[in-house]
Protein backbone atom coordinates (compact mmCIF):
# COMPACT_ATOMS: atom_id res chain seq x y z
CA MET A 1 19.58 9.30 1.93
CA ASN A 2 20.43 5.87 0.59
CA ILE A 3 18.94 2.64 1.81
CA ASP A 4 21.51 0.25 3.23
CA ASP A 5 20.12 -3.20 2.40
CA LYS A 6 21.83 -4.98 5.27
CA ASN A 7 20.05 -2.77 7.82
CA ILE A 8 16.55 -3.22 6.33
CA THR A 9 14.08 -5.56 8.00
CA VAL A 10 10.40 -6.11 7.30
CA THR A 11 8.34 -7.83 9.95
CA ARG A 12 4.70 -8.68 10.39
CA VAL A 13 2.98 -6.89 13.26
CA THR A 14 0.96 -9.26 15.41
CA GLY A 15 0.63 -7.14 18.55
CA ASP A 16 -0.60 -3.61 19.13
CA ARG A 17 -1.17 -2.11 15.68
CA LEU A 18 -2.41 1.21 17.04
CA GLN A 19 1.13 2.07 18.12
CA TYR A 20 1.59 2.91 14.41
CA ALA A 21 -1.53 5.12 14.21
CA GLU A 22 0.50 8.26 13.50
CA LEU A 23 2.03 6.62 10.43
CA LEU A 24 -1.23 5.03 9.29
CA LEU A 25 -2.90 8.45 9.40
CA LEU A 26 -0.40 9.75 6.85
CA ALA A 27 -2.01 7.52 4.21
CA ASP A 28 -5.60 7.56 5.48
CA GLU A 29 -6.87 10.62 7.33
CA SER A 30 -9.64 8.83 9.22
CA MET A 31 -9.13 6.45 12.15
CA GLU A 32 -12.70 5.32 11.52
CA MET A 33 -11.77 4.24 7.98
CA ILE A 34 -8.52 2.66 9.21
CA GLY A 35 -10.57 0.72 11.76
CA ARG A 36 -12.58 -0.84 8.93
CA TYR A 37 -9.57 -2.76 7.65
CA LEU A 38 -6.88 -2.77 10.35
CA ASP A 39 -8.08 -5.83 12.27
CA ARG A 40 -8.84 -7.91 9.19
CA GLY A 41 -5.57 -7.11 7.43
CA GLU A 42 -1.97 -8.16 7.77
CA MET A 43 0.29 -5.32 8.91
CA TYR A 44 3.98 -5.05 8.08
CA VAL A 45 6.65 -2.64 9.30
CA LEU A 46 9.86 -1.80 7.47
CA ARG A 47 12.73 -0.72 9.68
CA ASP A 48 16.11 0.66 8.70
CA GLY A 49 18.71 0.22 11.40
CA GLY A 50 15.94 -0.52 13.89
CA GLN A 51 14.07 2.71 13.12
CA THR A 52 10.49 2.35 11.83
CA CYS A 53 10.25 3.94 8.38
CA THR A 54 7.23 2.45 6.58
CA VAL A 55 4.04 0.59 7.44
CA ALA A 56 1.65 -1.32 5.20
CA VAL A 57 -1.67 -3.07 5.68
CA VAL A 58 -2.86 -5.71 3.19
CA THR A 59 -6.27 -7.40 3.20
CA ASP A 60 -7.54 -10.57 1.57
CA GLU A 61 -10.33 -9.54 -0.80
CA GLY A 62 -11.08 -13.08 -1.98
CA GLY A 63 -10.75 -14.60 -5.43
CA GLY A 64 -6.94 -14.51 -5.31
CA THR A 65 -6.81 -10.74 -4.79
CA CYS A 66 -5.25 -8.83 -1.92
CA GLU A 67 -5.58 -5.09 -1.44
CA LEU A 68 -2.92 -2.71 -0.20
CA LYS A 69 -5.12 -0.65 2.12
CA ASN A 70 -2.44 1.52 3.66
CA LEU A 71 1.16 2.34 2.78
CA ALA A 72 2.85 5.13 4.69
CA THR A 73 6.41 6.30 5.15
CA ARG A 74 7.60 8.78 7.76
CA PRO A 75 7.86 12.24 6.21
CA ASP A 76 11.61 12.52 6.87
CA ARG A 77 12.15 9.18 5.07
CA GLN A 78 9.89 9.76 2.05
CA ARG A 79 11.34 9.67 -1.46
CA CYS A 80 14.18 7.40 -0.29
CA GLY A 81 12.83 4.11 -1.69
CA TYR A 82 11.21 2.68 1.44
CA GLY A 83 7.69 2.56 -0.01
CA ARG A 84 8.98 0.92 -3.17
CA ARG A 85 10.95 -1.55 -1.04
CA MET A 86 7.83 -2.41 0.98
CA ILE A 87 5.78 -3.03 -2.17
CA GLY A 88 8.56 -5.26 -3.53
CA PHE A 89 8.62 -7.22 -0.28
CA LEU A 90 4.83 -7.60 -0.23
CA ALA A 91 4.70 -8.73 -3.87
CA GLU A 92 7.30 -11.42 -3.20
CA HIS A 93 5.93 -12.42 0.21
CA LEU A 94 2.30 -12.68 -0.97
CA ARG A 95 3.06 -14.38 -4.30
CA GLY A 96 1.58 -17.84 -4.24
CA ARG A 97 -1.15 -16.85 -1.79
CA PHE A 98 -2.56 -14.21 -4.15
CA ASP A 99 -2.55 -13.72 -7.91
CA GLU A 100 -3.10 -9.97 -7.85
CA MET A 101 -2.65 -6.95 -5.58
CA THR A 102 -4.87 -3.90 -5.89
CA VAL A 103 -4.52 -0.46 -4.36
CA GLY A 104 -7.04 2.36 -4.16
CA THR A 105 -5.95 5.98 -3.99
CA GLY A 106 -7.05 9.48 -4.79
CA GLU A 107 -6.41 11.07 -8.14
CA THR A 108 -3.13 12.63 -7.04
CA PRO A 109 -0.60 12.66 -9.91
CA ARG A 110 2.47 12.03 -7.72
CA ILE A 111 0.88 9.03 -5.98
CA LEU A 112 -0.46 7.57 -9.23
CA ARG A 113 3.02 7.89 -10.81
CA PHE A 114 4.54 6.14 -7.80
CA TYR A 115 2.21 3.14 -8.05
CA ARG A 116 2.64 2.91 -11.82
CA SER A 117 6.41 2.91 -11.34
CA CYS A 118 5.93 -0.04 -8.94
CA GLY A 119 4.21 -2.10 -11.64
CA PHE A 120 0.56 -1.20 -11.03
CA VAL A 121 -1.78 -0.47 -13.93
CA PRO A 122 -5.17 1.27 -13.89
CA SER A 123 -8.09 -0.98 -13.00
CA HIS A 124 -11.29 0.91 -12.14
CA ARG A 125 -12.67 3.71 -10.01
CA VAL A 126 -15.34 4.13 -7.35
CA LYS A 127 -17.18 7.37 -8.02
CA ASP A 128 -17.44 9.85 -5.13
CA PHE A 129 -15.75 7.49 -2.66
CA PHE A 130 -13.93 10.22 -0.75
CA THR A 131 -16.80 12.69 -0.72
CA ASP A 132 -19.25 9.98 0.40
CA ASN A 133 -17.07 8.30 3.05
CA TYR A 134 -15.03 11.02 4.74
CA PRO A 135 -16.51 13.71 7.00
CA ALA A 136 -14.37 16.54 5.62
CA PRO A 137 -13.01 17.26 2.15
CA ILE A 138 -9.55 15.81 1.45
CA ILE A 139 -7.25 17.96 -0.64
CA GLU A 140 -3.91 16.61 -1.85
CA GLU A 141 -1.55 18.55 -4.10
CA GLY A 142 -4.31 21.14 -4.48
CA ILE A 143 -6.77 18.51 -5.78
CA LEU A 144 -10.08 17.77 -4.06
CA LEU A 145 -10.27 13.99 -3.86
CA ARG A 146 -13.58 12.61 -5.06
CA ASP A 147 -13.21 9.21 -6.76
CA MET A 148 -11.16 6.28 -5.50
CA VAL A 149 -8.85 5.24 -8.33
CA TYR A 150 -7.91 1.55 -8.26
CA LEU A 151 -4.76 0.10 -9.75
CA ARG A 152 -3.71 -3.54 -9.90
CA ARG A 153 -0.50 -5.54 -10.14
CA ARG A 154 -0.13 -9.18 -11.06
CA LEU A 155 1.75 -11.19 -8.45
CA THR A 156 1.93 -14.38 -10.47
CA PRO A 157 2.73 -14.66 -14.16
CA GLU A 158 -0.18 -15.16 -16.50
CA LYS A 159 -0.29 -18.48 -18.32
CA GLY A 160 1.45 -18.35 -21.64
CA ASP A 161 3.68 -15.36 -20.92
CA GLY A 162 6.77 -17.58 -20.71
CA ARG A 163 7.48 -16.83 -17.04
CA GLU A 164 5.76 -19.79 -15.41
CA SER A 165 9.14 -21.34 -14.62
CA GLU A 166 10.05 -18.30 -12.43
CA ARG A 167 7.58 -19.35 -9.73
């Protein structure tokens, strides 16, 4: 399936965010964990031809950093470019308000490759995050998730890299 740019819209959700709970749970298995960031974050929905495809929640972590807390695409629309499109929108939309975007995920090779292909680089990890914070083990791609792996992406050019004029 190809994305038709003229039918894509991304809007900020200001009303009932729980109407997207089914999608949010694709990226985070615990409504309790989602509840920790949902109200303090900004939520965005990407639609293609009016049909909801992808949701994202971004929080302000202070110091010029925002964190992508949740990014989920409907299963029948995955691997079509919607997640990448949402990250591109967020990077452009949040540039100027934030210098850097971080994302935390499990050590799943496919997901790590996806974020790296979207311009994220390894940052740090939180040991035993999943085993300490979730009531049941989480297994993705046959891997028991233990540590939260953080990646980061610059949203504004660093001084001296010759791209300051692009802002």
